[in-house]
Amino acid sequence: MSPDAAASTPTGLRLAVSITALLAGVSGCVDVVSLVFAEVFVANQTGNLVVVAAASLSDGNRVRLALTALVMFTVGVLLAAVGRRALRHRFGQRAARESLLVLEILLVIAAAVLLWRDPLATHPRLLLPIGLLALAQGIQAVLLTRLLGRGVRTVAVTGPLTDALVGAVESAGTPMAQRDPARRGLLRIALATPAGYALGALLGALVVRAGLHLGLGVAVVLALVAAALARRVERHGLDLA
């Protein structure tokens, strides 16, 4: 099935939007947890650059945490890109994707255990869970980069939000009868990232009151559901990479 045709079918579109929103929800959850206990981000690296600049004159510990997240996110991207290429050649696309997802989940679980054992941890003990979560998000950034023939991002929000708004404005000037169903579907996929991130952040904020580790538990559940949906995407013959 061609990417445009897949984006036009209800099943293909529903699966694509769901998996994008779920992975973005993982990022929203872990960002809320890291923001609550360390006042830095692990997915939103643009935010960490702002943290470094704002805290550089007043809070050296927070600067070190933000830089740790930025460095570990970058390491996660590089390791995942190299690992994915090697695993694809040897075991295939599905094995590469699921291996990276398992690694991401294990890193999040490890961070959750650390926070469960020491929920009141302060610097420098915060460096390890922050590093683990940022590493996991770097891996997720590589985990899903193409869906239905188009580039997707489940960690960064600004780009997909811009794509969705610009596409919506352009479509608004086209008569309904002339609008391309595939284009409308792709706009929904673009909107799924900011929407999923916002919902994941909200869910994480509600759960984290009962425990920081529980917020990360929600992120793990979202990632597992995304993994199950990814298999359904492949069974329907849809493009996923």
Foldseek 3Di string as FASTA:
>chain_A
DALLVLLLDPVSLVLLLLLLLLLLLLLLLQQLLCCVQQVEHQQPLVRLVVQLVVCVVPPPQSNVLSVLSVVLLVVLLVVLVVQLVVCCVPPRNLVSLVVLLVQLLVLLLVLLVLCVVPVNDDPPSVSRSSSSNNSSSSSSQVSWQDWSRDGDGQRDQPVLVVVLVVLVVVCVVPPPVPDRSSSVSVSSSSVSRVVSSVVSNVVSVVQCVVPSSVSSVSSSVSSVVSSVSVVVSVVVVTDID
